[in-house]
Amino acid sequence: MKALVVYESMFGNTETIARAIADGLTGAGEVILADVTTAPPAEGFDLLVAGAPTHAFGLSRPSSREQAGRSGAVRAGATRTGLREYLAAAPPLTGVAAATFDTRVDKPITGSAARKAHRLLRRLGCRLLVPPNSFQVGGTTGPLLAGEADRARRWATVLATTLQRERQTSENPAASTKIDQAG
């Protein structure tokens, strides 16, 4: 398996989650971790995992990134481009397995960067392996809540296992039928 974990991060929290996800996927194959500002090509991967912080109930926009910059010290170059622009510029990714995640404030809010990215990836032709996942931060600038990085590593192993099972089923449909009938 060859996986790309691409992320947008203002204060480093989403980057920490992306790194944990990449760590969790490492045992399943080659993993490339990339900041969205580097615009890594998404073609040629078996799995694309995309993540961003939730801004204004969804994916960031130039104005929300600028506003985040006024909330605290942001990472160098973080306000230039985001996951929304990266996906808008992506070519069709027909059949590529994908998953999305976000970081969000630990308060009841509607909207999610992961859900928006999930819909954008579906429009690009990706197969979404699992529902979008959210990881909690204690405030606008963080920090991540205790245990969230570990939870991200565990989620990554679920992604790898799901993709592996999907591949086994497609390679040997009769085996999955036997398993289903036995269960």
N, C-alpha and C. Protein backbone atom coordinates (compact mmCIF):
# COMPACT_ATOMS: atom_id res chain seq x y z
N MET A 1 0.85 -1.18 0.00
CA MET A 1 0.00 0.00 0.00
C MET A 1 0.89 1.24 0.00
N LYS A 2 0.48 2.23 -0.76
CA LYS A 2 1.17 3.52 -0.79
C LYS A 2 0.14 4.57 -0.40
N ALA A 3 0.42 5.30 0.69
CA ALA A 3 -0.54 6.27 1.22
C ALA A 3 0.04 7.68 1.25
N LEU A 4 -0.85 8.64 1.00
CA LEU A 4 -0.52 10.06 1.14
C LEU A 4 -1.40 10.62 2.25
N VAL A 5 -0.77 11.20 3.26
CA VAL A 5 -1.49 11.91 4.31
C VAL A 5 -1.18 13.38 4.09
N VAL A 6 -2.18 14.13 3.66
CA VAL A 6 -2.00 15.55 3.37
C VAL A 6 -2.84 16.35 4.36
N TYR A 7 -2.25 17.43 4.88
CA TYR A 7 -2.94 18.18 5.93
C TYR A 7 -2.72 19.68 5.79
N GLU A 8 -3.68 20.40 6.35
CA GLU A 8 -3.59 21.85 6.52
C GLU A 8 -3.53 22.08 8.02
N SER A 9 -2.65 22.94 8.48
CA SER A 9 -2.54 23.18 9.92
C SER A 9 -2.12 24.61 10.19
N MET A 10 -2.86 25.28 11.04
CA MET A 10 -2.55 26.67 11.41
C MET A 10 -1.60 26.73 12.61
N PHE A 11 -1.96 26.01 13.68
CA PHE A 11 -1.25 26.11 14.94
C PHE A 11 -0.46 24.85 15.29
N GLY A 12 -0.48 23.85 14.41
CA GLY A 12 0.28 22.62 14.63
C GLY A 12 -0.53 21.46 15.15
N ASN A 13 -1.78 21.69 15.55
CA ASN A 13 -2.60 20.60 16.08
C ASN A 13 -2.98 19.59 15.01
N THR A 14 -3.41 20.07 13.85
CA THR A 14 -3.78 19.17 12.77
C THR A 14 -2.55 18.45 12.24
N GLU A 15 -1.41 19.12 12.24
CA GLU A 15 -0.17 18.46 11.84
C GLU A 15 0.16 17.32 12.79
N THR A 16 -0.01 17.52 14.08
CA THR A 16 0.26 16.46 15.06
C THR A 16 -0.62 15.24 14.81
N ILE A 17 -1.90 15.49 14.52
CA ILE A 17 -2.82 14.39 14.21
C ILE A 17 -2.39 13.71 12.91
N ALA A 18 -2.04 14.47 11.90
CA ALA A 18 -1.60 13.90 10.62
C ALA A 18 -0.36 13.04 10.82
N ARG A 19 0.57 13.49 11.63
CA ARG A 19 1.78 12.69 11.92
C ARG A 19 1.42 11.39 12.63
N ALA A 20 0.47 11.46 13.55
CA ALA A 20 0.04 10.26 14.26
C ALA A 20 -0.62 9.27 13.29
N ILE A 21 -1.42 9.79 12.37
CA ILE A 21 -2.07 8.95 11.36
C ILE A 21 -1.01 8.30 10.47
N ALA A 22 -0.03 9.08 10.03
CA ALA A 22 1.06 8.54 9.21
C ALA A 22 1.80 7.44 9.98
N ASP A 23 2.06 7.67 11.26
CA ASP A 23 2.71 6.65 12.10
C ASP A 23 1.88 5.38 12.14
N GLY A 24 0.56 5.54 12.29
CA GLY A 24 -0.34 4.38 12.36
C GLY A 24 -0.43 3.61 11.06
N LEU A 25 -0.17 4.27 9.94
CA LEU A 25 -0.23 3.62 8.63
C LEU A 25 1.11 2.99 8.23
N THR A 26 2.18 3.38 8.87
CA THR A 26 3.52 2.98 8.44
C THR A 26 3.69 1.48 8.33
N GLY A 27 3.13 0.71 9.23
CA GLY A 27 3.28 -0.75 9.18
C GLY A 27 2.59 -1.38 7.99
N ALA A 28 1.68 -0.66 7.34
CA ALA A 28 0.92 -1.20 6.22
C ALA A 28 1.55 -0.91 4.86
N GLY A 29 2.59 -0.09 4.84
CA GLY A 29 3.23 0.23 3.57
C GLY A 29 3.93 1.57 3.61
N GLU A 30 4.22 2.09 2.42
CA GLU A 30 4.90 3.38 2.29
C GLU A 30 3.92 4.52 2.56
N VAL A 31 4.34 5.48 3.38
CA VAL A 31 3.48 6.60 3.73
C VAL A 31 4.22 7.90 3.47
N ILE A 32 3.58 8.80 2.75
CA ILE A 32 4.11 10.14 2.52
C ILE A 32 3.25 11.10 3.34
N LEU A 33 3.88 11.92 4.16
CA LEU A 33 3.20 12.94 4.95
C LEU A 33 3.53 14.28 4.32
N ALA A 34 2.51 15.09 4.00
CA ALA A 34 2.77 16.35 3.31
C ALA A 34 1.85 17.45 3.77
N ASP A 35 2.43 18.61 4.00
CA ASP A 35 1.67 19.82 4.27
C ASP A 35 1.02 20.25 2.96
N VAL A 36 -0.24 20.65 3.02
CA VAL A 36 -0.98 21.03 1.81
C VAL A 36 -0.29 22.18 1.06
N THR A 37 0.45 23.01 1.75
CA THR A 37 1.12 24.14 1.08
C THR A 37 2.18 23.68 0.09
N THR A 38 2.63 22.42 0.20
CA THR A 38 3.61 21.90 -0.75
C THR A 38 2.95 21.34 -2.00
N ALA A 39 1.60 21.28 -2.01
CA ALA A 39 0.81 20.80 -3.14
C ALA A 39 1.30 19.46 -3.69
N PRO A 40 1.37 18.43 -2.84
CA PRO A 40 1.84 17.14 -3.34
C PRO A 40 0.83 16.54 -4.32
N PRO A 41 1.30 15.92 -5.40
CA PRO A 41 0.35 15.29 -6.32
C PRO A 41 -0.33 14.11 -5.63
N ALA A 42 -1.63 13.97 -5.81
CA ALA A 42 -2.39 12.91 -5.15
C ALA A 42 -2.52 11.66 -6.00
N GLU A 43 -2.06 11.71 -7.23
CA GLU A 43 -2.15 10.56 -8.12
C GLU A 43 -1.11 9.52 -7.73
N GLY A 44 -1.43 8.25 -8.02
CA GLY A 44 -0.48 7.18 -7.81
C GLY A 44 -0.48 6.59 -6.40
N PHE A 45 -1.43 6.98 -5.58
CA PHE A 45 -1.52 6.45 -4.22
C PHE A 45 -2.70 5.50 -4.11
N ASP A 46 -2.57 4.53 -3.24
CA ASP A 46 -3.66 3.60 -2.95
C ASP A 46 -4.64 4.19 -1.95
N LEU A 47 -4.12 5.09 -1.11
CA LEU A 47 -4.92 5.70 -0.05
C LEU A 47 -4.55 7.17 0.09
N LEU A 48 -5.56 8.01 0.13
CA LEU A 48 -5.39 9.44 0.38
C LEU A 48 -6.13 9.78 1.66
N VAL A 49 -5.40 10.30 2.64
CA VAL A 49 -6.01 10.75 3.89
C VAL A 49 -5.80 12.26 3.94
N ALA A 50 -6.91 13.00 4.05
CA ALA A 50 -6.84 14.46 4.01
C ALA A 50 -7.43 15.05 5.29
N GLY A 51 -6.73 16.04 5.86
CA GLY A 51 -7.21 16.64 7.10
C GLY A 51 -6.97 18.13 7.17
N ALA A 52 -7.84 18.78 7.94
CA ALA A 52 -7.76 20.24 8.09
C ALA A 52 -8.46 20.65 9.38
N PRO A 53 -8.16 21.83 9.87
CA PRO A 53 -8.91 22.34 11.03
C PRO A 53 -10.29 22.84 10.56
N THR A 54 -11.27 22.73 11.43
CA THR A 54 -12.59 23.26 11.12
C THR A 54 -12.57 24.76 11.38
N HIS A 55 -12.91 25.52 10.34
CA HIS A 55 -13.02 26.98 10.43
C HIS A 55 -14.42 27.36 9.99
N ALA A 56 -15.10 28.17 10.75
CA ALA A 56 -16.40 28.68 10.35
C ALA A 56 -17.31 27.57 9.83
N PHE A 57 -17.36 26.46 10.55
CA PHE A 57 -18.25 25.33 10.26
C PHE A 57 -17.86 24.51 9.04
N GLY A 58 -16.64 24.63 8.55
CA GLY A 58 -16.21 23.84 7.41
C GLY A 58 -14.73 24.00 7.13
N LEU A 59 -14.35 23.80 5.87
CA LEU A 59 -12.96 24.00 5.47
C LEU A 59 -12.61 25.48 5.49
N SER A 60 -11.35 25.75 5.76
CA SER A 60 -10.91 27.15 5.81
C SER A 60 -11.02 27.80 4.44
N ARG A 61 -11.09 29.10 4.48
CA ARG A 61 -11.05 29.96 3.30
C ARG A 61 -9.94 30.98 3.56
N PRO A 62 -9.51 31.70 2.53
CA PRO A 62 -8.47 32.71 2.78
C PRO A 62 -8.83 33.65 3.94
N SER A 63 -10.07 34.08 4.01
CA SER A 63 -10.46 35.01 5.08
C SER A 63 -10.42 34.35 6.46
N SER A 64 -10.81 33.09 6.57
CA SER A 64 -10.78 32.44 7.89
C SER A 64 -9.34 32.12 8.31
N ARG A 65 -8.48 31.86 7.32
CA ARG A 65 -7.07 31.63 7.66
C ARG A 65 -6.42 32.93 8.15
N GLU A 66 -6.77 34.03 7.50
CA GLU A 66 -6.25 35.33 7.95
C GLU A 66 -6.75 35.63 9.37
N GLN A 67 -8.01 35.33 9.64
CA GLN A 67 -8.57 35.54 10.96
C GLN A 67 -7.86 34.66 11.99
N ALA A 68 -7.57 33.42 11.63
CA ALA A 68 -6.84 32.52 12.53
C ALA A 68 -5.46 33.10 12.84
N GLY A 69 -4.85 33.73 11.84
CA GLY A 69 -3.55 34.35 12.04
C GLY A 69 -3.59 35.46 13.08
N ARG A 70 -4.75 36.07 13.23
CA ARG A 70 -4.89 37.12 14.26
C ARG A 70 -5.16 36.53 15.64
N SER A 71 -5.51 35.22 15.70
CA SER A 71 -5.81 34.57 16.98
C SER A 71 -4.57 34.09 17.70
N GLY A 72 -3.47 33.98 17.01
CA GLY A 72 -2.24 33.50 17.62
C GLY A 72 -1.19 33.28 16.55
N ALA A 73 -0.03 32.87 16.98
CA ALA A 73 1.07 32.63 16.05
C ALA A 73 0.78 31.40 15.21
N VAL A 74 0.71 31.58 13.90
CA VAL A 74 0.45 30.45 13.01
C VAL A 74 1.76 29.98 12.39
N ARG A 75 1.74 28.78 11.88
CA ARG A 75 2.92 28.21 11.23
C ARG A 75 3.25 29.00 9.97
N ALA A 76 4.50 29.06 9.63
CA ALA A 76 4.94 29.80 8.44
C ALA A 76 4.21 29.29 7.20
N GLY A 77 3.64 30.19 6.43
CA GLY A 77 2.97 29.85 5.18
C GLY A 77 1.57 29.28 5.32
N ALA A 78 1.09 29.12 6.56
CA ALA A 78 -0.19 28.45 6.78
C ALA A 78 -1.40 29.22 6.25
N THR A 79 -1.28 30.51 6.08
CA THR A 79 -2.45 31.28 5.62
C THR A 79 -2.53 31.36 4.10
N ARG A 80 -1.51 30.88 3.39
CA ARG A 80 -1.48 30.98 1.92
C ARG A 80 -2.54 30.13 1.24
N THR A 81 -2.57 28.87 1.57
CA THR A 81 -3.46 27.94 0.89
C THR A 81 -3.95 26.89 1.88
N GLY A 82 -5.06 26.28 1.55
CA GLY A 82 -5.62 25.27 2.43
C GLY A 82 -6.09 24.05 1.67
N LEU A 83 -6.70 23.14 2.39
CA LEU A 83 -7.17 21.90 1.80
C LEU A 83 -8.25 22.15 0.75
N ARG A 84 -9.09 23.15 0.99
CA ARG A 84 -10.14 23.48 0.01
C ARG A 84 -9.52 23.77 -1.37
N GLU A 85 -8.51 24.60 -1.41
CA GLU A 85 -7.86 24.97 -2.67
C GLU A 85 -7.10 23.77 -3.27
N TYR A 86 -6.48 23.00 -2.39
CA TYR A 86 -5.73 21.82 -2.85
C TYR A 86 -6.67 20.85 -3.57
N LEU A 87 -7.83 20.58 -2.97
CA LEU A 87 -8.77 19.64 -3.58
C LEU A 87 -9.42 20.24 -4.83
N ALA A 88 -9.63 21.54 -4.84
CA ALA A 88 -10.21 22.19 -6.02
C ALA A 88 -9.28 22.07 -7.22
N ALA A 89 -7.98 22.02 -6.98
CA ALA A 89 -7.00 21.94 -8.06
C ALA A 89 -6.65 20.49 -8.43
N ALA A 90 -7.15 19.54 -7.66
CA ALA A 90 -6.79 18.13 -7.89
C ALA A 90 -7.47 17.58 -9.14
N PRO A 91 -6.79 16.69 -9.84
CA PRO A 91 -7.41 16.03 -10.99
C PRO A 91 -8.40 14.98 -10.48
N PRO A 92 -9.20 14.39 -11.35
CA PRO A 92 -10.07 13.31 -10.90
C PRO A 92 -9.23 12.20 -10.25
N LEU A 93 -9.74 11.65 -9.17
CA LEU A 93 -9.05 10.60 -8.43
C LEU A 93 -9.92 9.35 -8.39
N THR A 94 -10.46 9.01 -9.52
CA THR A 94 -11.42 7.92 -9.64
C THR A 94 -10.86 6.62 -9.05
N GLY A 95 -11.60 6.09 -8.09
CA GLY A 95 -11.27 4.81 -7.48
C GLY A 95 -10.27 4.84 -6.36
N VAL A 96 -9.64 5.98 -6.09
CA VAL A 96 -8.65 6.05 -5.01
C VAL A 96 -9.39 5.95 -3.67
N ALA A 97 -8.90 5.08 -2.80
CA ALA A 97 -9.47 4.98 -1.45
C ALA A 97 -9.09 6.23 -0.67
N ALA A 98 -10.02 6.75 0.12
CA ALA A 98 -9.75 8.00 0.84
C ALA A 98 -10.46 8.02 2.18
N ALA A 99 -9.97 8.91 3.03
CA ALA A 99 -10.58 9.17 4.34
C ALA A 99 -10.24 10.61 4.71
N THR A 100 -11.09 11.20 5.55
CA THR A 100 -10.88 12.59 5.96
C THR A 100 -10.96 12.72 7.48
N PHE A 101 -10.25 13.73 7.97
CA PHE A 101 -10.29 14.05 9.40
C PHE A 101 -10.19 15.55 9.57
N ASP A 102 -10.59 16.00 10.74
CA ASP A 102 -10.39 17.40 11.08
C ASP A 102 -10.03 17.53 12.54
N THR A 103 -9.60 18.73 12.91
CA THR A 103 -9.46 19.09 14.31
C THR A 103 -10.50 20.16 14.55
N ARG A 104 -11.08 20.12 15.73
CA ARG A 104 -12.13 21.09 16.05
C ARG A 104 -12.16 21.33 17.54
N VAL A 105 -12.68 22.49 17.89
CA VAL A 105 -12.78 22.90 19.29
C VAL A 105 -13.71 21.95 20.03
N ASP A 106 -13.35 21.64 21.24
CA ASP A 106 -14.11 20.72 22.08
C ASP A 106 -15.38 21.38 22.63
N LYS A 107 -16.25 21.76 21.73
CA LYS A 107 -17.55 22.37 22.07
C LYS A 107 -18.54 21.89 21.03
N PRO A 108 -19.82 21.84 21.40
CA PRO A 108 -20.80 21.43 20.39
C PRO A 108 -20.90 22.47 19.28
N ILE A 109 -20.51 22.07 18.08
CA ILE A 109 -20.63 22.94 16.92
C ILE A 109 -21.18 22.12 15.76
N THR A 110 -21.82 22.81 14.86
CA THR A 110 -22.24 22.15 13.63
C THR A 110 -21.18 22.42 12.58
N GLY A 111 -21.17 21.63 11.57
CA GLY A 111 -20.19 21.81 10.51
C GLY A 111 -18.89 21.11 10.85
N SER A 112 -18.18 20.76 9.78
CA SER A 112 -16.95 20.00 9.95
C SER A 112 -16.12 20.10 8.69
N ALA A 113 -14.84 20.40 8.86
CA ALA A 113 -13.93 20.40 7.71
C ALA A 113 -13.83 19.01 7.12
N ALA A 114 -13.85 17.99 7.97
CA ALA A 114 -13.73 16.61 7.47
C ALA A 114 -14.93 16.22 6.62
N ARG A 115 -16.13 16.63 7.02
CA ARG A 115 -17.31 16.29 6.22
C ARG A 115 -17.28 17.00 4.87
N LYS A 116 -16.84 18.26 4.86
CA LYS A 116 -16.75 18.99 3.59
C LYS A 116 -15.69 18.35 2.69
N ALA A 117 -14.53 18.01 3.24
CA ALA A 117 -13.48 17.37 2.45
C ALA A 117 -13.95 16.00 1.95
N HIS A 118 -14.71 15.30 2.75
CA HIS A 118 -15.29 14.01 2.38
C HIS A 118 -16.14 14.16 1.10
N ARG A 119 -17.01 15.18 1.10
CA ARG A 119 -17.86 15.42 -0.07
C ARG A 119 -17.02 15.81 -1.30
N LEU A 120 -15.99 16.63 -1.10
CA LEU A 120 -15.14 17.04 -2.22
C LEU A 120 -14.39 15.85 -2.80
N LEU A 121 -13.90 14.96 -1.94
CA LEU A 121 -13.20 13.77 -2.43
C LEU A 121 -14.14 12.84 -3.17
N ARG A 122 -15.37 12.72 -2.68
CA ARG A 122 -16.36 11.90 -3.39
C ARG A 122 -16.59 12.46 -4.79
N ARG A 123 -16.68 13.79 -4.91
CA ARG A 123 -16.88 14.42 -6.24
C ARG A 123 -15.69 14.17 -7.16
N LEU A 124 -14.50 14.01 -6.58
CA LEU A 124 -13.31 13.72 -7.38
C LEU A 124 -13.24 12.24 -7.78
N GLY A 125 -14.18 11.44 -7.28
CA GLY A 125 -14.23 10.03 -7.66
C GLY A 125 -13.63 9.06 -6.65
N CYS A 126 -13.23 9.55 -5.49
CA CYS A 126 -12.64 8.68 -4.48
C CYS A 126 -13.67 7.74 -3.86
N ARG A 127 -13.20 6.61 -3.38
CA ARG A 127 -14.00 5.69 -2.56
C ARG A 127 -13.70 6.03 -1.11
N LEU A 128 -14.68 6.49 -0.38
CA LEU A 128 -14.48 6.87 1.00
C LEU A 128 -14.61 5.62 1.87
N LEU A 129 -13.53 5.27 2.55
CA LEU A 129 -13.47 4.02 3.32
C LEU A 129 -14.28 4.06 4.61
N VAL A 130 -14.26 5.19 5.27
CA VAL A 130 -14.90 5.33 6.58
C VAL A 130 -15.53 6.71 6.67
N PRO A 131 -16.43 6.91 7.63
CA PRO A 131 -16.98 8.26 7.82
C PRO A 131 -15.89 9.24 8.25
N PRO A 132 -16.11 10.53 8.04
CA PRO A 132 -15.15 11.55 8.49
C PRO A 132 -14.94 11.44 10.00
N ASN A 133 -13.73 11.79 10.46
CA ASN A 133 -13.40 11.70 11.87
C ASN A 133 -12.91 13.06 12.37
N SER A 134 -13.28 13.38 13.61
CA SER A 134 -12.87 14.65 14.22
C SER A 134 -12.03 14.39 15.46
N PHE A 135 -10.99 15.20 15.61
CA PHE A 135 -10.11 15.14 16.77
C PHE A 135 -10.22 16.48 17.49
N GLN A 136 -10.27 16.44 18.81
CA GLN A 136 -10.61 17.61 19.62
C GLN A 136 -9.41 18.40 20.11
N VAL A 137 -9.54 19.73 20.03
CA VAL A 137 -8.57 20.65 20.62
C VAL A 137 -9.27 21.44 21.71
N GLY A 138 -8.49 21.91 22.68
CA GLY A 138 -9.05 22.61 23.83
C GLY A 138 -9.46 24.04 23.56
N GLY A 139 -9.03 24.64 22.48
CA GLY A 139 -9.37 26.02 22.14
C GLY A 139 -8.91 26.30 20.72
N THR A 140 -9.13 27.50 20.26
CA THR A 140 -8.80 27.85 18.88
C THR A 140 -7.36 27.49 18.53
N THR A 141 -6.42 27.79 19.40
CA THR A 141 -5.02 27.50 19.11
C THR A 141 -4.56 26.18 19.70
N GLY A 142 -5.43 25.46 20.38
CA GLY A 142 -5.07 24.18 20.98
C GLY A 142 -4.92 24.31 22.48
N PRO A 143 -4.37 23.34 23.08
CA PRO A 143 -3.71 22.15 22.56
C PRO A 143 -4.72 21.04 22.25
N LEU A 144 -4.20 19.97 21.65
CA LEU A 144 -5.03 18.78 21.47
C LEU A 144 -5.43 18.25 22.84
N LEU A 145 -6.62 17.68 22.93
CA LEU A 145 -7.02 17.06 24.18
C LEU A 145 -6.19 15.79 24.39
N ALA A 146 -6.04 15.41 25.63
CA ALA A 146 -5.25 14.23 25.98
C ALA A 146 -5.79 13.00 25.24
N GLY A 147 -4.90 12.22 24.69
CA GLY A 147 -5.26 10.97 24.05
C GLY A 147 -5.64 11.07 22.59
N GLU A 148 -5.78 12.27 22.05
CA GLU A 148 -6.22 12.41 20.65
C GLU A 148 -5.19 11.88 19.65
N ALA A 149 -3.91 12.10 19.89
CA ALA A 149 -2.89 11.58 18.97
C ALA A 149 -2.91 10.05 18.98
N ASP A 150 -3.07 9.44 20.14
CA ASP A 150 -3.16 7.98 20.22
C ASP A 150 -4.41 7.48 19.49
N ARG A 151 -5.50 8.20 19.64
CA ARG A 151 -6.74 7.83 18.95
C ARG A 151 -6.55 7.92 17.43
N ALA A 152 -5.77 8.91 16.98
CA ALA A 152 -5.49 9.06 15.55
C ALA A 152 -4.67 7.87 15.03
N ARG A 153 -3.70 7.41 15.81
CA ARG A 153 -2.91 6.24 15.41
C ARG A 153 -3.81 5.01 15.28
N ARG A 154 -4.71 4.83 16.24
CA ARG A 154 -5.63 3.68 16.20
C ARG A 154 -6.56 3.79 14.98
N TRP A 155 -7.04 5.00 14.69
CA TRP A 155 -7.91 5.22 13.53
C TRP A 155 -7.18 4.84 12.25
N ALA A 156 -5.89 5.19 12.18
CA ALA A 156 -5.09 4.86 10.99
C ALA A 156 -5.00 3.35 10.80
N THR A 157 -4.89 2.59 11.87
CA THR A 157 -4.84 1.14 11.72
C THR A 157 -6.17 0.61 11.22
N VAL A 158 -7.28 1.23 11.61
CA VAL A 158 -8.59 0.86 11.08
C VAL A 158 -8.63 1.13 9.58
N LEU A 159 -8.11 2.27 9.15
CA LEU A 159 -8.07 2.59 7.71
C LEU A 159 -7.28 1.52 6.95
N ALA A 160 -6.10 1.19 7.45
CA ALA A 160 -5.26 0.21 6.77
C ALA A 160 -5.95 -1.15 6.71
N THR A 161 -6.57 -1.56 7.80
CA THR A 161 -7.27 -2.85 7.85
C THR A 161 -8.46 -2.85 6.90
N THR A 162 -9.21 -1.76 6.88
CA THR A 162 -10.37 -1.65 5.99
C THR A 162 -9.93 -1.75 4.53
N LEU A 163 -8.87 -1.06 4.17
CA LEU A 163 -8.37 -1.11 2.80
C LEU A 163 -7.87 -2.51 2.46
N GLN A 164 -7.17 -3.13 3.38
CA GLN A 164 -6.66 -4.48 3.15
C GLN A 164 -7.82 -5.47 2.95
N ARG A 165 -8.85 -5.38 3.78
CA ARG A 165 -10.01 -6.27 3.62
C ARG A 165 -10.72 -6.02 2.30
N GLU A 166 -10.83 -4.75 1.93
CA GLU A 166 -11.47 -4.41 0.66
C GLU A 166 -10.71 -5.04 -0.50
N ARG A 167 -9.39 -4.96 -0.44
CA ARG A 167 -8.56 -5.54 -1.50
C ARG A 167 -8.70 -7.06 -1.55
N GLN A 168 -8.69 -7.70 -0.38
CA GLN A 168 -8.84 -9.16 -0.33
C GLN A 168 -10.18 -9.58 -0.91
N THR A 169 -11.22 -8.83 -0.61
CA THR A 169 -12.56 -9.14 -1.11
C THR A 169 -12.60 -8.99 -2.63
N SER A 170 -11.99 -7.93 -3.15
CA SER A 170 -12.02 -7.73 -4.60
C SER A 170 -11.16 -8.75 -5.34
N GLU A 171 -10.09 -9.22 -4.70
CA GLU A 171 -9.23 -10.22 -5.32
C GLU A 171 -9.84 -11.61 -5.27
N ASN A 172 -10.66 -11.88 -4.23
CA ASN A 172 -11.23 -13.21 -4.06
C ASN A 172 -12.66 -13.08 -3.54
N PRO A 173 -13.61 -12.70 -4.41
CA PRO A 173 -14.99 -12.50 -3.97
C PRO A 173 -15.62 -13.75 -3.35
N ALA A 174 -15.22 -14.94 -3.80
CA ALA A 174 -15.79 -16.17 -3.26
C ALA A 174 -15.43 -16.33 -1.79
N ALA A 175 -14.23 -15.90 -1.40
CA ALA A 175 -13.82 -16.02 0.00
C ALA A 175 -14.68 -15.14 0.89
N SER A 176 -15.04 -13.95 0.42
CA SER A 176 -15.87 -13.06 1.25
C SER A 176 -17.26 -13.62 1.38
N THR A 177 -17.77 -14.30 0.35
CA THR A 177 -19.09 -14.91 0.43
C THR A 177 -19.09 -16.03 1.46
N LYS A 178 -18.04 -16.84 1.46
CA LYS A 178 -17.93 -17.92 2.46
C LYS A 178 -17.88 -17.35 3.87
N ILE A 179 -17.12 -16.28 4.05
CA ILE A 179 -17.02 -15.65 5.37
C ILE A 179 -18.38 -15.11 5.79
N ASP A 180 -19.08 -14.44 4.87
CA ASP A 180 -20.39 -13.89 5.18
C ASP A 180 -21.38 -15.00 5.55
N GLN A 181 -21.34 -16.12 4.83
CA GLN A 181 -22.26 -17.21 5.11
C GLN A 181 -21.92 -17.90 6.42
N ALA A 182 -20.63 -17.95 6.77
CA ALA A 182 -20.23 -18.60 8.02
C ALA A 182 -20.59 -17.75 9.23
N GLY A 183 -20.60 -16.41 9.05
CA GLY A 183 -20.83 -15.48 10.16
C GLY A 183 -22.25 -15.45 10.50
